[in-house]
PDB file of N, CA and C in Angstrom:
ATOM      1  N   MET A   1       6.307 -13.056  -0.775  1.00  0.00           N
ATOM      2  CA  MET A   1       6.375 -11.824  -0.529  1.00  0.00           C
ATOM      3  C   MET A   1       5.039 -11.243  -0.002  1.00  0.00           C
ATOM      4  N   LYS A   2       5.136 -10.442   1.090  1.00  0.00           N
ATOM      5  CA  LYS A   2       3.969  -9.793   1.612  1.00  0.00           C
ATOM      6  C   LYS A   2       4.296  -8.388   1.896  1.00  0.00           C
ATOM      7  N   CYS A   3       3.291  -7.586   1.542  1.00  0.00           N
ATOM      8  CA  CYS A   3       3.296  -6.195   1.820  1.00  0.00           C
ATOM      9  C   CYS A   3       2.411  -5.789   2.854  1.00  0.00           C
ATOM     10  N   ASN A   4       2.438  -5.084   3.857  1.00  0.00           N
ATOM     11  CA  ASN A   4       1.333  -4.268   4.497  1.00  0.00           C
ATOM     12  C   ASN A   4       1.386  -2.848   4.222  1.00  0.00           C
ATOM     13  N   SER A   5       0.246  -2.395   3.774  1.00  0.00           N
ATOM     14  CA  SER A   5       0.183  -1.076   3.311  1.00  0.00           C
ATOM     15  C   SER A   5      -0.909  -0.419   3.977  1.00  0.00           C
ATOM     16  N   ASP A   6      -0.651   1.026   4.345  1.00  0.00           N
ATOM     17  CA  ASP A   6      -1.831   1.853   4.950  1.00  0.00           C
ATOM     18  C   ASP A   6      -1.536   3.276   4.592  1.00  0.00           C
ATOM     19  N   GLY A   7      -2.646   4.014   4.830  1.00  0.00           N
ATOM     20  CA  GLY A   7      -2.605   5.503   4.599  1.00  0.00           C
ATOM     21  C   GLY A   7      -3.147   6.158   5.785  1.00  0.00           C
ATOM     22  N   LYS A   8      -2.795   7.366   5.827  1.00  0.00           N
ATOM     23  CA  LYS A   8      -3.284   8.141   6.982  1.00  0.00           C
ATOM     24  C   LYS A   8      -3.635   9.445   6.437  1.00  0.00           C
ATOM     25  N   SER A   9      -5.003   9.942   6.831  1.00  0.00           N
ATOM     26  CA  SER A   9      -5.401  11.059   6.418  1.00  0.00           C
ATOM     27  C   SER A   9      -6.041  11.882   7.663  1.00  0.00           C
ATOM     28  N   LEU A  10      -5.564  13.257   7.723  1.00  0.00           N
ATOM     29  CA  LEU A  10      -6.128  14.364   8.529  1.00  0.00           C
ATOM     30  C   LEU A  10      -7.151  14.968   8.112  1.00  0.00           C
ATOM     31  N   GLY A  11      -8.469  14.427   8.012  1.00  0.00           N
ATOM     32  CA  GLY A  11      -9.525  14.909   7.329  1.00  0.00           C
ATOM     33  C   GLY A  11      -9.756  14.232   6.035  1.00  0.00           C
ATOM     34  N   ASN A  12     -10.997  14.434   5.416  1.00  0.00           N
ATOM     35  CA  ASN A  12     -11.334  13.838   4.202  1.00  0.00           C
ATOM     36  C   ASN A  12     -12.062  14.884   3.363  1.00  0.00           C
ATOM     37  N   PRO A  13     -11.602  15.518   2.528  1.00  0.00           N
ATOM     38  CA  PRO A  13      -9.978  15.487   2.001  1.00  0.00           C
ATOM     39  C   PRO A  13      -9.200  16.009   3.155  1.00  0.00           C
ATOM     40  N   GLY A  14      -7.877  15.704   3.112  1.00  0.00           N
ATOM     41  CA  GLY A  14      -6.919  16.440   4.133  1.00  0.00           C
ATOM     42  C   GLY A  14      -5.587  16.202   3.700  1.00  0.00           C
ATOM     43  N   ALA A  15      -4.633  16.440   4.701  1.00  0.00           N
ATOM     44  CA  ALA A  15      -3.298  16.163   4.390  1.00  0.00           C
ATOM     45  C   ALA A  15      -3.080  14.523   4.652  1.00  0.00           C
ATOM     46  N   VAL A  16      -2.485  13.843   3.776  1.00  0.00           N
ATOM     47  CA  VAL A  16      -2.323  12.452   3.561  1.00  0.00           C
ATOM     48  C   VAL A  16      -1.008  11.940   3.359  1.00  0.00           C
ATOM     49  N   ALA A  17      -0.758  10.699   3.825  1.00  0.00           N
ATOM     50  CA  ALA A  17       0.541  10.148   3.563  1.00  0.00           C
ATOM     51  C   ALA A  17       0.456   8.522   3.593  1.00  0.00           C
ATOM     52  N   CYS A  18       1.283   7.719   3.025  1.00  0.00           N
ATOM     53  CA  CYS A  18       0.970   6.302   2.851  1.00  0.00           C
ATOM     54  C   CYS A  18       2.293   5.563   3.108  1.00  0.00           C
ATOM     55  N   GLY A  19       2.265   4.398   3.375  1.00  0.00           N
ATOM     56  CA  GLY A  19       3.465   3.770   3.538  1.00  0.00           C
ATOM     57  C   GLY A  19       3.241   2.121   3.526  1.00  0.00           C
ATOM     58  N   GLY A  20       4.307   1.473   3.290  1.00  0.00           N
ATOM     59  CA  GLY A  20       4.280  -0.059   3.399  1.00  0.00           C
ATOM     60  C   GLY A  20       5.539  -0.803   3.763  1.00  0.00           C
ATOM     61  N   LEU A  21       5.316  -2.030   4.204  1.00  0.00           N
ATOM     62  CA  LEU A  21       6.395  -2.731   4.615  1.00  0.00           C
ATOM     63  C   LEU A  21       6.458  -4.150   4.041  1.00  0.00           C
ATOM     64  N   PHE A  22       7.581  -4.580   3.388  1.00  0.00           N
ATOM     65  CA  PHE A  22       7.798  -5.695   2.775  1.00  0.00           C
ATOM     66  C   PHE A  22       8.645  -6.822   3.621  1.00  0.00           C
ATOM     67  N   ARG A  23       7.855  -7.971   3.641  1.00  0.00           N
ATOM     68  CA  ARG A  23       8.564  -9.128   4.327  1.00  0.00           C
ATOM     69  C   ARG A  23       8.468 -10.321   3.471  1.00  0.00           C
ATOM     70  N   ASN A  24       9.400 -11.381   3.650  1.00  0.00           N
ATOM     71  CA  ASN A  24       9.514 -12.598   2.799  1.00  0.00           C
ATOM     72  C   ASN A  24       8.627 -13.492   3.692  1.00  0.00           C
ATOM     73  N   ALA A  25       8.599 -14.712   3.286  1.00  0.00           N
ATOM     74  CA  ALA A  25       7.742 -15.891   3.915  1.00  0.00           C
ATOM     75  C   ALA A  25       8.303 -16.285   5.380  1.00  0.00           C
ATOM     76  N   ASN A  26       9.706 -15.900   5.586  1.00  0.00           N
ATOM     77  CA  ASN A  26      10.354 -16.006   6.970  1.00  0.00           C
ATOM     78  C   ASN A  26      10.127 -14.835   7.791  1.00  0.00           C
ATOM     79  N   SER A  27       9.318 -13.816   7.422  1.00  0.00           N
ATOM     80  CA  SER A  27       9.298 -12.698   7.990  1.00  0.00           C
ATOM     81  C   SER A  27      10.338 -11.832   8.129  1.00  0.00           C
ATOM     82  N   ASP A  28      11.429 -11.948   7.234  1.00  0.00           N
ATOM     83  CA  ASP A  28      12.494 -11.217   6.993  1.00  0.00           C
ATOM     84  C   ASP A  28      12.155  -9.794   6.495  1.00  0.00           C
ATOM     85  N   PHE A  29      12.779  -8.736   7.065  1.00  0.00           N
ATOM     86  CA  PHE A  29      12.437  -7.322   6.422  1.00  0.00           C
ATOM     87  C   PHE A  29      13.071  -7.191   5.186  1.00  0.00           C
ATOM     88  N   LEU A  30      12.271  -6.777   4.061  1.00  0.00           N
ATOM     89  CA  LEU A  30      13.053  -6.466   2.933  1.00  0.00           C
ATOM     90  C   LEU A  30      12.886  -5.130   2.267  1.00  0.00           C
ATOM     91  N   GLY A  31      12.204  -4.400   2.894  1.00  0.00           N
ATOM     92  CA  GLY A  31      12.129  -2.907   2.578  1.00  0.00           C
ATOM     93  C   GLY A  31      10.884  -2.347   3.030  1.00  0.00           C
ATOM     94  N   ALA A  32      10.776  -0.830   2.831  1.00  0.00           N
ATOM     95  CA  ALA A  32       9.466  -0.224   3.178  1.00  0.00           C
ATOM     96  C   ALA A  32       9.626   1.097   2.316  1.00  0.00           C
ATOM     97  N   PHE A  33       8.424   1.798   2.449  1.00  0.00           N
ATOM     98  CA  PHE A  33       8.350   2.967   1.875  1.00  0.00           C
ATOM     99  C   PHE A  33       7.473   3.885   2.588  1.00  0.00           C
ATOM    100  N   SER A  34       7.499   5.096   2.532  1.00  0.00           N
ATOM    101  CA  SER A  34       6.634   6.162   2.872  1.00  0.00           C
ATOM    102  C   SER A  34       6.600   7.436   1.958  1.00  0.00           C
ATOM    103  N   ILE A  35       5.361   7.920   1.860  1.00  0.00           N
ATOM    104  CA  ILE A  35       5.149   8.910   0.871  1.00  0.00           C
ATOM    105  C   ILE A  35       4.116  10.000   1.377  1.00  0.00           C
ATOM    106  N   ASN A  36       4.582  11.285   1.338  1.00  0.00           N
ATOM    107  CA  ASN A  36       3.695  12.434   1.701  1.00  0.00           C
ATOM    108  C   ASN A  36       3.071  12.737   0.464  1.00  0.00           C
ATOM    109  N   LEU A  37       1.576  12.675   0.448  1.00  0.00           N
ATOM    110  CA  LEU A  37       0.971  13.030  -0.800  1.00  0.00           C
ATOM    111  C   LEU A  37       0.280  14.337  -0.858  1.00  0.00           C
ATOM    112  N   GLY A  38       0.370  15.052   0.123  1.00  0.00           N
ATOM    113  CA  GLY A  38      -0.220  16.516   0.103  1.00  0.00           C
ATOM    114  C   GLY A  38      -1.869  16.308   0.574  1.00  0.00           C
ATOM    115  N   ILE A  39      -2.663  16.903  -0.226  1.00  0.00           N
ATOM    116  CA  ILE A  39      -4.035  17.014   0.219  1.00  0.00           C
ATOM    117  C   ILE A  39      -4.895  16.117  -0.863  1.00  0.00           C
ATOM    118  N   THR A  40      -5.670  14.992  -0.318  1.00  0.00           N
ATOM    119  CA  THR A  40      -6.372  14.339  -1.133  1.00  0.00           C
ATOM    120  C   THR A  40      -7.303  13.552  -0.157  1.00  0.00           C
ATOM    121  N   SER A  41      -7.990  12.517  -0.684  1.00  0.00           N
ATOM    122  CA  SER A  41      -9.106  11.861   0.032  1.00  0.00           C
ATOM    123  C   SER A  41      -8.485  10.648   0.755  1.00  0.00           C
ATOM    124  N   ALA A  42      -9.170  10.127   1.745  1.00  0.00           N
ATOM    125  CA  ALA A  42      -8.624   8.849   2.406  1.00  0.00           C
ATOM    126  C   ALA A  42      -8.627   7.759   1.308  1.00  0.00           C
ATOM    127  N   LEU A  43      -9.687   7.590   0.571  1.00  0.00           N
ATOM    128  CA  LEU A  43      -9.747   6.399  -0.312  1.00  0.00           C
ATOM    129  C   LEU A  43      -8.365   6.395  -1.415  1.00  0.00           C
ATOM    130  N   CYS A  44      -8.195   7.756  -1.685  1.00  0.00           N
ATOM    131  CA  CYS A  44      -7.013   7.963  -2.677  1.00  0.00           C
ATOM    132  C   CYS A  44      -5.836   7.427  -2.077  1.00  0.00           C
ATOM    133  N   VAL A  45      -5.623   7.959  -1.008  1.00  0.00           N
ATOM    134  CA  VAL A  45      -4.266   7.487  -0.218  1.00  0.00           C
ATOM    135  C   VAL A  45      -4.180   6.097  -0.193  1.00  0.00           C
ATOM    136  N   GLU A  46      -5.178   5.439   0.299  1.00  0.00           N
ATOM    137  CA  GLU A  46      -4.972   3.974   0.345  1.00  0.00           C
ATOM    138  C   GLU A  46      -4.779   3.205  -0.909  1.00  0.00           C
ATOM    139  N   LEU A  47      -5.533   3.554  -2.003  1.00  0.00           N
ATOM    140  CA  LEU A  47      -5.166   3.161  -3.270  1.00  0.00           C
ATOM    141  C   LEU A  47      -3.798   3.452  -3.836  1.00  0.00           C
ATOM    142  N   ILE A  48      -3.276   4.745  -3.675  1.00  0.00           N
ATOM    143  CA  ILE A  48      -1.857   5.039  -4.030  1.00  0.00           C
ATOM    144  C   ILE A  48      -0.826   4.231  -3.172  1.00  0.00           C
ATOM    145  N   GLY A  49      -1.257   3.812  -1.818  1.00  0.00           N
ATOM    146  CA  GLY A  49      -0.345   2.963  -1.242  1.00  0.00           C
ATOM    147  C   GLY A  49      -0.165   1.525  -1.800  1.00  0.00           C
ATOM    148  N   VAL A  50      -1.376   1.050  -2.237  1.00  0.00           N
ATOM    149  CA  VAL A  50      -1.379  -0.349  -2.832  1.00  0.00           C
ATOM    150  C   VAL A  50      -0.731  -0.349  -4.148  1.00  0.00           C
ATOM    151  N   MET A  51      -0.935   0.800  -4.998  1.00  0.00           N
ATOM    152  CA  MET A  51      -0.346   0.849  -6.352  1.00  0.00           C
ATOM    153  C   MET A  51       1.342   0.949  -6.265  1.00  0.00           C
ATOM    154  N   VAL A  52       1.822   1.871  -5.316  1.00  0.00           N
ATOM    155  CA  VAL A  52       3.221   1.862  -5.029  1.00  0.00           C
ATOM    156  C   VAL A  52       3.925   0.527  -4.699  1.00  0.00           C
ATOM    157  N   ALA A  53       3.105  -0.134  -3.754  1.00  0.00           N
ATOM    158  CA  ALA A  53       3.390  -1.490  -3.328  1.00  0.00           C
ATOM    159  C   ALA A  53       3.803  -2.472  -4.562  1.00  0.00           C
ATOM    160  N   ILE A  54       2.718  -2.324  -5.531  1.00  0.00           N
ATOM    161  CA  ILE A  54       2.649  -3.089  -6.834  1.00  0.00           C
ATOM    162  C   ILE A  54       3.933  -2.675  -7.661  1.00  0.00           C
ATOM    163  N   GLU A  55       4.159  -1.477  -7.827  1.00  0.00           N
ATOM    164  CA  GLU A  55       5.195  -0.857  -8.539  1.00  0.00           C
ATOM    165  C   GLU A  55       6.462  -1.312  -8.139  1.00  0.00           C
ATOM    166  N   ILE A  56       6.593  -1.333  -6.629  1.00  0.00           N
ATOM    167  CA  ILE A  56       8.124  -1.767  -6.126  1.00  0.00           C
ATOM    168  C   ILE A  56       8.321  -3.272  -6.302  1.00  0.00           C
ATOM    169  N   ASP A  57       7.152  -4.116  -6.030  1.00  0.00           N
ATOM    170  CA  ASP A  57       7.210  -5.511  -6.392  1.00  0.00           C
ATOM    171  C   ASP A  57       7.847  -5.753  -7.738  1.00  0.00           C
ATOM    172  N   ALA A  58       7.270  -5.129  -8.751  1.00  0.00           N
ATOM    173  CA  ALA A  58       7.546  -5.472 -10.136  1.00  0.00           C
ATOM    174  C   ALA A  58       8.960  -4.834 -10.438  1.00  0.00           C
ATOM    175  N   HIS A  59       9.247  -3.489  -9.868  1.00  0.00           N
ATOM    176  CA  HIS A  59      10.650  -3.296 -10.066  1.00  0.00           C
ATOM    177  C   HIS A  59      11.668  -4.202  -9.610  1.00  0.00           C
ATOM    178  N   LYS A  60      11.239  -4.776  -8.226  1.00  0.00           N
ATOM    179  CA  LYS A  60      12.410  -5.626  -7.687  1.00  0.00           C
ATOM    180  C   LYS A  60      12.368  -7.010  -8.382  1.00  0.00           C
ATOM    181  N   GLY A  61      11.448  -7.456  -9.188  1.00  0.00           N
ATOM    182  CA  GLY A  61      11.306  -8.590  -9.883  1.00  0.00           C
ATOM    183  C   GLY A  61      10.809  -9.731  -9.065  1.00  0.00           C
ATOM    184  N   TRP A  62      10.235  -9.512  -7.971  1.00  0.00           N
ATOM    185  CA  TRP A  62       9.488 -10.311  -7.035  1.00  0.00           C
ATOM    186  C   TRP A  62       8.412 -10.958  -7.921  1.00  0.00           C
ATOM    187  N   LEU A  63       8.268 -12.355  -7.719  1.00  0.00           N
ATOM    188  CA  LEU A  63       7.244 -13.128  -8.639  1.00  0.00           C
ATOM    189  C   LEU A  63       5.908 -13.188  -7.903  1.00  0.00           C
ATOM    190  N   TYR A  64       5.727 -12.931  -6.519  1.00  0.00           N
ATOM    191  CA  TYR A  64       4.490 -13.271  -5.930  1.00  0.00           C
ATOM    192  C   TYR A  64       4.365 -12.095  -4.899  1.00  0.00           C
ATOM    193  N   LEU A  65       3.171 -11.336  -4.708  1.00  0.00           N
ATOM    194  CA  LEU A  65       2.923 -10.263  -3.910  1.00  0.00           C
ATOM    195  C   LEU A  65       1.516 -10.662  -3.170  1.00  0.00           C
ATOM    196  N   ARG A  66       1.620 -10.659  -1.759  1.00  0.00           N
ATOM    197  CA  ARG A  66       0.500 -10.592  -1.012  1.00  0.00           C
ATOM    198  C   ARG A  66       0.257  -9.263  -0.516  1.00  0.00           C
ATOM    199  N   LEU A  67      -0.799  -8.680  -0.697  1.00  0.00           N
ATOM    200  CA  LEU A  67      -1.046  -7.285  -0.216  1.00  0.00           C
ATOM    201  C   LEU A  67      -2.141  -7.372   0.907  1.00  0.00           C
ATOM    202  N   GLU A  68      -1.792  -6.655   1.981  1.00  0.00           N
ATOM    203  CA  GLU A  68      -2.702  -6.534   3.035  1.00  0.00           C
ATOM    204  C   GLU A  68      -2.953  -4.965   3.236  1.00  0.00           C
ATOM    205  N   THR A  69      -4.248  -4.735   3.471  1.00  0.00           N
ATOM    206  CA  THR A  69      -4.596  -3.245   3.846  1.00  0.00           C
ATOM    207  C   THR A  69      -5.759  -3.232   4.622  1.00  0.00           C
ATOM    208  N   ASP A  70      -6.039  -2.309   5.400  1.00  0.00           N
ATOM    209  CA  ASP A  70      -7.148  -2.043   6.344  1.00  0.00           C
ATOM    210  C   ASP A  70      -8.359  -1.495   5.630  1.00  0.00           C
ATOM    211  N   SER A  71      -8.189  -1.142   4.423  1.00  0.00           N
ATOM    212  CA  SER A  71      -9.362  -0.513   3.721  1.00  0.00           C
ATOM    213  C   SER A  71     -10.178  -1.709   3.022  1.00  0.00           C
ATOM    214  N   MET A  72     -11.298  -1.751   3.484  1.00  0.00           N
ATOM    215  CA  MET A  72     -12.405  -2.802   3.094  1.00  0.00           C
ATOM    216  C   MET A  72     -12.511  -2.610   1.487  1.00  0.00           C
ATOM    217  N   LEU A  73     -12.747  -1.306   1.011  1.00  0.00           N
ATOM    218  CA  LEU A  73     -13.045  -0.943  -0.362  1.00  0.00           C
ATOM    219  C   LEU A  73     -11.917  -1.316  -1.150  1.00  0.00           C
ATOM    220  N   VAL A  74     -10.837  -1.020  -0.839  1.00  0.00           N
ATOM    221  CA  VAL A  74      -9.536  -1.138  -1.538  1.00  0.00           C
ATOM    222  C   VAL A  74      -9.474  -2.853  -1.606  1.00  0.00           C
ATOM    223  N   ALA A  75      -9.488  -3.563  -0.588  1.00  0.00           N
ATOM    224  CA  ALA A  75      -9.446  -5.038  -0.687  1.00  0.00           C
ATOM    225  C   ALA A  75     -10.453  -5.448  -1.798  1.00  0.00           C
ATOM    226  N   ARG A  76     -11.815  -4.955  -1.636  1.00  0.00           N
ATOM    227  CA  ARG A  76     -12.817  -5.592  -2.396  1.00  0.00           C
ATOM    228  C   ARG A  76     -12.510  -5.169  -4.082  1.00  0.00           C
ATOM    229  N   LEU A  77     -11.918  -4.036  -4.248  1.00  0.00           N
ATOM    230  CA  LEU A  77     -11.558  -3.814  -5.604  1.00  0.00           C
ATOM    231  C   LEU A  77     -10.604  -4.760  -6.226  1.00  0.00           C
ATOM    232  N   GLY A  78      -9.757  -5.369  -5.297  1.00  0.00           N
ATOM    233  CA  GLY A  78      -8.735  -6.527  -5.672  1.00  0.00           C
ATOM    234  C   GLY A  78      -9.333  -7.629  -5.948  1.00  0.00           C
ATOM    235  N   GLU A  79     -10.641  -7.819  -5.674  1.00  0.00           N
ATOM    236  CA  GLU A  79     -11.314  -9.268  -5.907  1.00  0.00           C
ATOM    237  C   GLU A  79     -12.082  -9.056  -7.374  1.00  0.00           C
ATOM    238  N   LEU A  80     -12.124  -7.981  -7.697  1.00  0.00           N
ATOM    239  CA  LEU A  80     -12.916  -7.860  -9.160  1.00  0.00           C
ATOM    240  C   LEU A  80     -12.135  -8.554 -10.081  1.00  0.00           C
ATOM    241  N   LYS A  81     -12.851  -9.173 -11.068  1.00  0.00           N
ATOM    242  CA  LYS A  81     -12.100  -9.902 -12.166  1.00  0.00           C
ATOM    243  C   LYS A  81     -12.729  -9.520 -13.543  1.00  0.00           C
TER     244      LYS A  81
END
């Protein structure tokens, strides 16, 4: 399972939204999400997008999730152990 997640911010802080797209190993579309989050920071919207993807993955019972994001800071947080 792979999810590409991204956030959009009009200003920082500003009006924000996030979304994600789920595909399996054969690149079959399995679902998507988009959420309008009001006013917050660019980092916050990127983090929320990743958290929503993880929640959907757990709810669906998928056993493996590969997350991709264009936020270097969010990706680095995922490397912490």
